């Protein structure tokens, strides 16, 4: 069985900084995604106070039927749990880095495209800016060259 992990041979060198950055990034992005993913599931009213009104409930007319907001919330929360587990286990993997950077890139695209089209309010550009910072940090971790395969022995 093979798994991937970051080299841990130099705790204070580049590998140590990259491993610490990986764990910190997983924690920060995981907490941010947990908050932003759970928030609309718990209180759609306060979520809309900040992010503007949503129209994904108009077919039924019931305020609780925000199917698209709920879907995004559940998926962002699932990503949050993966990132937080990776941070807690302190076992950096390329797959987790890809999930983190890919999720951030996808959310940036949605934020920018739909703000530009006038579908969602400009407050979403604050999210896009934060996601861009996360992507830059993930590129630094990847550029450190410390994400590499490691054979796990059973």
C-alpha atoms as a PDB file:
ATOM      1  CA  UNK A   1       0.000   0.000   0.000  1.00  0.00           C
ATOM      2  CA  UNK A   2       1.446   3.365  -0.888  1.00  0.00           C
ATOM      3  CA  UNK A   3       0.710   6.747   0.580  1.00  0.00           C
ATOM      4  CA  UNK A   4       2.142  10.193   0.182  1.00  0.00           C
ATOM      5  CA  UNK A   5       3.735  12.316   2.810  1.00  0.00           C
ATOM      6  CA  UNK A   6       6.090  15.190   3.235  1.00  0.00           C
ATOM      7  CA  UNK A   7       9.680  14.479   4.170  1.00  0.00           C
ATOM      8  CA  UNK A   8      10.202  14.997   7.885  1.00  0.00           C
ATOM      9  CA  UNK A   9      13.953  14.659   8.015  1.00  0.00           C
ATOM     10  CA  UNK A  10      14.695  18.342   8.562  1.00  0.00           C
ATOM     11  CA  UNK A  11      12.413  19.691  11.287  1.00  0.00           C
ATOM     12  CA  UNK A  12      13.896  23.187  11.176  1.00  0.00           C
ATOM     13  CA  UNK A  13      14.819  23.390   7.492  1.00  0.00           C
ATOM     14  CA  UNK A  14      12.730  23.843   4.393  1.00  0.00           C
ATOM     15  CA  UNK A  15      10.965  20.512   4.899  1.00  0.00           C
ATOM     16  CA  UNK A  16      10.049  21.420   8.469  1.00  0.00           C
ATOM     17  CA  UNK A  17       8.715  24.825   7.419  1.00  0.00           C
ATOM     18  CA  UNK A  18       6.776  23.265   4.535  1.00  0.00           C
ATOM     19  CA  UNK A  19       5.270  20.591   6.819  1.00  0.00           C
ATOM     20  CA  UNK A  20       4.320  23.211   9.392  1.00  0.00           C
ATOM     21  CA  UNK A  21       2.849  25.388   6.641  1.00  0.00           C
ATOM     22  CA  UNK A  22       0.852  22.436   5.309  1.00  0.00           C
ATOM     23  CA  UNK A  23      -0.656  21.755   8.734  1.00  0.00           C
ATOM     24  CA  UNK A  24      -1.333  25.433   9.392  1.00  0.00           C
ATOM     25  CA  UNK A  25      -2.944  25.908   5.975  1.00  0.00           C
ATOM     26  CA  UNK A  26      -5.151  22.855   6.492  1.00  0.00           C
ATOM     27  CA  UNK A  27      -6.216  24.256   9.859  1.00  0.00           C
ATOM     28  CA  UNK A  28      -6.926  27.777   8.594  1.00  0.00           C
ATOM     29  CA  UNK A  29      -8.728  26.716   5.433  1.00  0.00           C
ATOM     30  CA  UNK A  30     -10.544  23.924   7.270  1.00  0.00           C
ATOM     31  CA  UNK A  31     -11.852  26.280   9.957  1.00  0.00           C
ATOM     32  CA  UNK A  32     -12.851  28.885   7.368  1.00  0.00           C
ATOM     33  CA  UNK A  33     -14.673  26.266   5.309  1.00  0.00           C
ATOM     34  CA  UNK A  34     -16.330  24.798   8.397  1.00  0.00           C
ATOM     35  CA  UNK A  35     -17.686  28.205   9.411  1.00  0.00           C
ATOM     36  CA  UNK A  36     -18.783  29.223   5.914  1.00  0.00           C
ATOM     37  CA  UNK A  37     -20.162  25.770   5.116  1.00  0.00           C
ATOM     38  CA  UNK A  38     -22.186  25.274   8.278  1.00  0.00           C
ATOM     39  CA  UNK A  39     -23.387  28.869   8.611  1.00  0.00           C
ATOM     40  CA  UNK A  40     -26.118  28.792   5.914  1.00  0.00           C
ATOM     41  CA  UNK A  41     -27.261  25.374   7.143  1.00  0.00           C
ATOM     42  CA  UNK A  42     -27.717  26.689  10.658  1.00  0.00           C
ATOM     43  CA  UNK A  43     -29.048  30.198   9.921  1.00  0.00           C
ATOM     44  CA  UNK A  44     -29.993  31.054   6.360  1.00  0.00           C
ATOM     45  CA  UNK A  45     -31.383  34.364   7.623  1.00  0.00           C
ATOM     46  CA  UNK A  46     -28.072  35.655   9.026  1.00  0.00           C
ATOM     47  CA  UNK A  47     -26.195  34.205   6.066  1.00  0.00           C
ATOM     48  CA  UNK A  48     -28.386  36.215   3.690  1.00  0.00           C
ATOM     49  CA  UNK A  49     -27.970  39.334   5.841  1.00  0.00           C
ATOM     50  CA  UNK A  50     -24.264  39.249   4.946  1.00  0.00           C
ATOM     51  CA  UNK A  51     -24.284  37.642   1.489  1.00  0.00           C
ATOM     52  CA  UNK A  52     -27.540  38.988   0.088  1.00  0.00           C
ATOM     53  CA  UNK A  53     -30.841  37.310  -0.743  1.00  0.00           C
ATOM     54  CA  UNK A  54     -30.858  33.962  -2.497  1.00  0.00           C
ATOM     55  CA  UNK A  55     -33.354  32.819  -5.122  1.00  0.00           C
ATOM     56  CA  UNK A  56     -32.886  29.050  -4.981  1.00  0.00           C
ATOM     57  CA  UNK A  57     -36.113  28.644  -2.972  1.00  0.00           C
ATOM     58  CA  UNK A  58     -38.505  30.479  -5.289  1.00  0.00           C
ATOM     59  CA  UNK A  59     -40.077  27.363  -6.806  1.00  0.00           C
ATOM     60  CA  UNK A  60     -41.500  26.242  -3.465  1.00  0.00           C
ATOM     61  CA  UNK A  61     -41.589  29.637  -1.788  1.00  0.00           C
ATOM     62  CA  UNK A  62     -40.407  28.121   1.503  1.00  0.00           C
ATOM     63  CA  UNK A  63     -37.474  29.961   3.047  1.00  0.00           C
ATOM     64  CA  UNK A  64     -35.994  26.655   4.216  1.00  0.00           C
ATOM     65  CA  UNK A  65     -35.790  25.274   0.668  1.00  0.00           C
ATOM     66  CA  UNK A  66     -32.472  26.806  -0.329  1.00  0.00           C
ATOM     67  CA  UNK A  67     -31.351  23.665  -2.143  1.00  0.00           C
ATOM     68  CA  UNK A  68     -28.324  25.239  -3.863  1.00  0.00           C
ATOM     69  CA  UNK A  69     -27.068  27.060  -0.768  1.00  0.00           C
ATOM     70  CA  UNK A  70     -27.534  23.875   1.264  1.00  0.00           C
ATOM     71  CA  UNK A  71     -25.708  21.776  -1.344  1.00  0.00           C
ATOM     72  CA  UNK A  72     -22.745  24.139  -1.411  1.00  0.00           C
ATOM     73  CA  UNK A  73     -22.775  24.311   2.399  1.00  0.00           C
ATOM     74  CA  UNK A  74     -22.655  20.531   2.741  1.00  0.00           C
ATOM     75  CA  UNK A  75     -19.843  20.174   0.173  1.00  0.00           C
ATOM     76  CA  UNK A  76     -17.766  22.991   1.679  1.00  0.00           C
ATOM     77  CA  UNK A  77     -18.280  21.405   5.113  1.00  0.00           C
ATOM     78  CA  UNK A  78     -17.095  18.022   3.790  1.00  0.00           C
ATOM     79  CA  UNK A  79     -13.946  19.707   2.442  1.00  0.00           C
ATOM     80  CA  UNK A  80     -13.486  21.380   5.816  1.00  0.00           C
ATOM     81  CA  UNK A  81     -13.573  18.045   7.618  1.00  0.00           C
ATOM     82  CA  UNK A  82     -10.955  16.551   5.276  1.00  0.00           C
ATOM     83  CA  UNK A  83      -8.655  19.546   5.801  1.00  0.00           C
ATOM     84  CA  UNK A  84      -9.110  19.542   9.575  1.00  0.00           C
ATOM     85  CA  UNK A  85      -8.454  15.787   9.742  1.00  0.00           C
ATOM     86  CA  UNK A  86      -5.274  16.235   7.687  1.00  0.00           C
ATOM     87  CA  UNK A  87      -4.130  18.977  10.065  1.00  0.00           C
ATOM     88  CA  UNK A  88      -4.966  16.913  13.139  1.00  0.00           C
ATOM     89  CA  UNK A  89      -3.176  13.833  11.801  1.00  0.00           C
ATOM     90  CA  UNK A  90      -0.231  15.960  10.678  1.00  0.00           C
ATOM     91  CA  UNK A  91       0.196  13.768   7.606  1.00  0.00           C
ATOM     92  CA  UNK A  92       0.525  16.070   4.596  1.00  0.00           C
ATOM     93  CA  UNK A  93      -0.421  14.548   1.264  1.00  0.00           C
ATOM     94  CA  UNK A  94      -0.538  15.862  -2.297  1.00  0.00           C
ATOM     95  CA  UNK A  95      -4.192  14.793  -2.486  1.00  0.00           C
ATOM     96  CA  UNK A  96      -5.158  17.063   0.391  1.00  0.00           C
ATOM     97  CA  UNK A  97      -3.162  19.949  -1.096  1.00  0.00           C
ATOM     98  CA  UNK A  98      -4.941  19.405  -4.425  1.00  0.00           C
ATOM     99  CA  UNK A  99      -8.347  19.329  -2.732  1.00  0.00           C
ATOM    100  CA  UNK A 100      -7.545  22.535  -0.850  1.00  0.00           C
ATOM    101  CA  UNK A 101      -6.123  24.486  -3.788  1.00  0.00           C
ATOM    102  CA  UNK A 102      -8.710  23.130  -6.232  1.00  0.00           C
ATOM    103  CA  UNK A 103     -11.594  24.037  -3.943  1.00  0.00           C
ATOM    104  CA  UNK A 104     -10.207  27.535  -3.454  1.00  0.00           C
ATOM    105  CA  UNK A 105      -9.729  27.987  -7.217  1.00  0.00           C
ATOM    106  CA  UNK A 106     -13.266  26.816  -7.939  1.00  0.00           C
ATOM    107  CA  UNK A 107     -14.745  29.138  -5.342  1.00  0.00           C
ATOM    108  CA  UNK A 108     -12.740  32.082  -6.713  1.00  0.00           C
ATOM    109  CA  UNK A 109     -14.058  31.394 -10.203  1.00  0.00           C
ATOM    110  CA  UNK A 110     -17.659  31.236  -8.980  1.00  0.00           C
ATOM    111  CA  UNK A 111     -17.235  34.387  -6.864  1.00  0.00           C
ATOM    112  CA  UNK A 112     -15.675  36.467  -9.641  1.00  0.00           C
ATOM    113  CA  UNK A 113     -17.859  35.261 -12.516  1.00  0.00           C
ATOM    114  CA  UNK A 114     -21.150  35.665 -10.693  1.00  0.00           C
ATOM    115  CA  UNK A 115     -20.259  39.005  -9.088  1.00  0.00           C
ATOM    116  CA  UNK A 116     -19.328  40.257 -12.579  1.00  0.00           C
ATOM    117  CA  UNK A 117     -22.678  39.011 -13.924  1.00  0.00           C
ATOM    118  CA  UNK A 118     -24.555  40.727 -11.087  1.00  0.00           C
ATOM    119  CA  UNK A 119     -25.947  37.447  -9.729  1.00  0.00           C
ATOM    120  CA  UNK A 120     -24.298  37.722  -6.312  1.00  0.00           C
ATOM    121  CA  UNK A 121     -23.215  40.852  -4.409  1.00  0.00           C
ATOM    122  CA  UNK A 122     -19.616  42.145  -4.321  1.00  0.00           C
ATOM    123  CA  UNK A 123     -19.187  40.881  -0.736  1.00  0.00           C
ATOM    124  CA  UNK A 124     -18.219  37.577  -2.371  1.00  0.00           C
ATOM    125  CA  UNK A 125     -15.050  39.238  -3.680  1.00  0.00           C
ATOM    126  CA  UNK A 126     -13.762  39.268  -0.093  1.00  0.00           C
ATOM    127  CA  UNK A 127     -14.046  35.483  -0.160  1.00  0.00           C
ATOM    128  CA  UNK A 128     -12.283  35.414  -3.538  1.00  0.00           C
ATOM    129  CA  UNK A 129      -9.406  37.476  -2.119  1.00  0.00           C
ATOM    130  CA  UNK A 130      -9.006  35.142   0.867  1.00  0.00           C
ATOM    131  CA  UNK A 131      -9.147  32.084  -1.400  1.00  0.00           C
ATOM    132  CA  UNK A 132      -6.409  33.653  -3.585  1.00  0.00           C
ATOM    133  CA  UNK A 133      -4.163  34.024  -0.528  1.00  0.00           C
ATOM    134  CA  UNK A 134      -4.760  30.361   0.298  1.00  0.00           C
ATOM    135  CA  UNK A 135      -3.863  29.296  -3.249  1.00  0.00           C
ATOM    136  CA  UNK A 136      -0.644  31.309  -3.128  1.00  0.00           C
ATOM    137  CA  UNK A 137       0.245  29.608   0.148  1.00  0.00           C
ATOM    138  CA  UNK A 138      -0.511  26.158  -1.306  1.00  0.00           C
ATOM    139  CA  UNK A 139       1.743  26.946  -4.271  1.00  0.00           C
ATOM    140  CA  UNK A 140       4.536  27.826  -1.844  1.00  0.00           C
ATOM    141  CA  UNK A 141       4.109  24.472  -0.099  1.00  0.00           C
ATOM    142  CA  UNK A 142       4.095  22.632  -3.436  1.00  0.00           C
ATOM    143  CA  UNK A 143       7.093  24.612  -4.711  1.00  0.00           C
ATOM    144  CA  UNK A 144       9.055  23.600  -1.625  1.00  0.00           C
ATOM    145  CA  UNK A 145       9.360  20.226  -3.361  1.00  0.00           C
ATOM    146  CA  UNK A 146       8.547  18.328  -0.197  1.00  0.00           C
ATOM    147  CA  UNK A 147       5.372  16.643  -1.354  1.00  0.00           C
ATOM    148  CA  UNK A 148       6.646  13.313  -2.568  1.00  0.00           C
ATOM    149  CA  UNK A 149       5.636   9.667  -2.514  1.00  0.00           C
ATOM    150  CA  UNK A 150       6.514   7.480   0.407  1.00  0.00           C
ATOM    151  CA  UNK A 151       5.951   3.739   0.524  1.00  0.00           C
ATOM    152  CA  UNK A 152       4.116   2.666   3.638  1.00  0.00           C
ATOM    153  CA  UNK A 153       5.144  -0.716   5.006  1.00  0.00           C
ATOM    154  CA  UNK A 154       2.534  -2.902   6.642  1.00  0.00           C
END
